[in-house]
């Protein structure tokens, strides 16, 4: 998802957004929800758009994809 983050606005500091992502067993993203906003709307919006641009999540080493997970997005990582 990280390569899909496109930020056109200047973002101050190092904002952190936490997003819950729901996925089908094959990794297809079914939905996303901002669990903890970063306080910088431009960053939060960019993160949500990046998830929308991502079709599927990669499988774990055991070939599975969790049905729900929280992902932390930090600006500057």
Protein backbone atom coordinates (compact mmCIF):
# COMPACT_ATOMS: atom_id res chain seq x y z
CA UNK A 1 0.00 0.00 0.00
CA UNK A 2 2.85 2.37 0.77
CA UNK A 3 3.74 2.98 -2.90
CA UNK A 4 0.11 3.99 -3.53
CA UNK A 5 0.24 6.91 -1.09
CA UNK A 6 0.14 10.10 -3.13
CA UNK A 7 0.44 13.30 -1.17
CA UNK A 8 0.03 16.64 -2.89
CA UNK A 9 -0.21 18.80 0.24
CA UNK A 10 2.62 19.64 2.59
CA UNK A 11 2.27 17.53 5.75
CA UNK A 12 3.81 18.91 8.94
CA UNK A 13 5.54 16.64 11.44
CA UNK A 14 5.24 12.87 11.49
CA UNK A 15 1.52 12.05 11.55
CA UNK A 16 0.35 8.52 12.33
CA UNK A 17 -2.96 7.05 11.11
CA UNK A 18 -4.35 3.65 12.09
CA UNK A 19 -6.67 1.92 9.63
CA UNK A 20 -8.65 -1.30 10.00
CA UNK A 21 -8.65 -3.27 6.74
CA UNK A 22 -11.05 -6.15 6.07
CA UNK A 23 -10.11 -8.75 3.47
CA UNK A 24 -11.53 -11.83 1.78
CA UNK A 25 -9.66 -15.16 2.13
CA UNK A 26 -7.98 -14.52 -1.25
CA UNK A 27 -6.67 -11.13 -0.06
CA UNK A 28 -9.18 -8.95 -1.87
CA UNK A 29 -9.77 -5.81 0.18
CA UNK A 30 -13.43 -5.62 1.20
CA UNK A 31 -13.35 -2.45 3.27
CA UNK A 32 -11.35 -0.03 5.36
CA UNK A 33 -12.06 2.21 8.33
CA UNK A 34 -9.98 4.93 9.93
CA UNK A 35 -9.58 3.76 13.55
CA UNK A 36 -7.33 6.58 14.74
CA UNK A 37 -6.96 9.78 12.78
CA UNK A 38 -3.54 11.37 12.60
CA UNK A 39 -4.82 14.90 13.14
CA UNK A 40 -3.68 15.82 9.62
CA UNK A 41 -6.60 15.40 7.22
CA UNK A 42 -4.37 15.38 4.11
CA UNK A 43 -2.39 12.41 5.50
CA UNK A 44 -5.50 10.49 6.55
CA UNK A 45 -7.11 11.03 3.13
CA UNK A 46 -3.91 9.96 1.31
CA UNK A 47 -3.72 6.76 3.37
CA UNK A 48 -7.37 5.86 2.68
CA UNK A 49 -6.93 6.54 -1.06
CA UNK A 50 -3.84 4.31 -1.07
CA UNK A 51 -5.85 1.45 0.41
CA UNK A 52 -8.57 2.01 -2.20
CA UNK A 53 -5.91 1.77 -4.95
CA UNK A 54 -4.63 -1.52 -3.56
CA UNK A 55 -6.59 -4.44 -4.99
CA UNK A 56 -5.35 -7.29 -2.81
CA UNK A 57 -3.22 -7.90 0.24
CA UNK A 58 -0.28 -10.29 0.07
CA UNK A 59 -0.64 -13.69 1.68
CA UNK A 60 1.33 -14.62 4.81
CA UNK A 61 4.02 -17.30 4.67
CA UNK A 62 1.32 -19.87 5.44
CA UNK A 63 -0.71 -18.72 2.40
CA UNK A 64 -3.41 -16.99 4.42
CA UNK A 65 -4.70 -13.45 4.66
CA UNK A 66 -6.25 -12.31 7.96
CA UNK A 67 -9.91 -11.31 7.61
CA UNK A 68 -9.29 -8.11 9.57
CA UNK A 69 -6.17 -6.24 10.59
CA UNK A 70 -5.09 -2.82 11.83
CA UNK A 71 -2.32 -1.16 9.85
CA UNK A 72 -0.31 1.77 11.19
CA UNK A 73 0.78 4.36 8.63
CA UNK A 74 3.55 6.74 9.73
CA UNK A 75 4.63 9.67 7.58
CA UNK A 76 8.35 9.50 7.03
CA UNK A 77 8.77 5.71 7.40
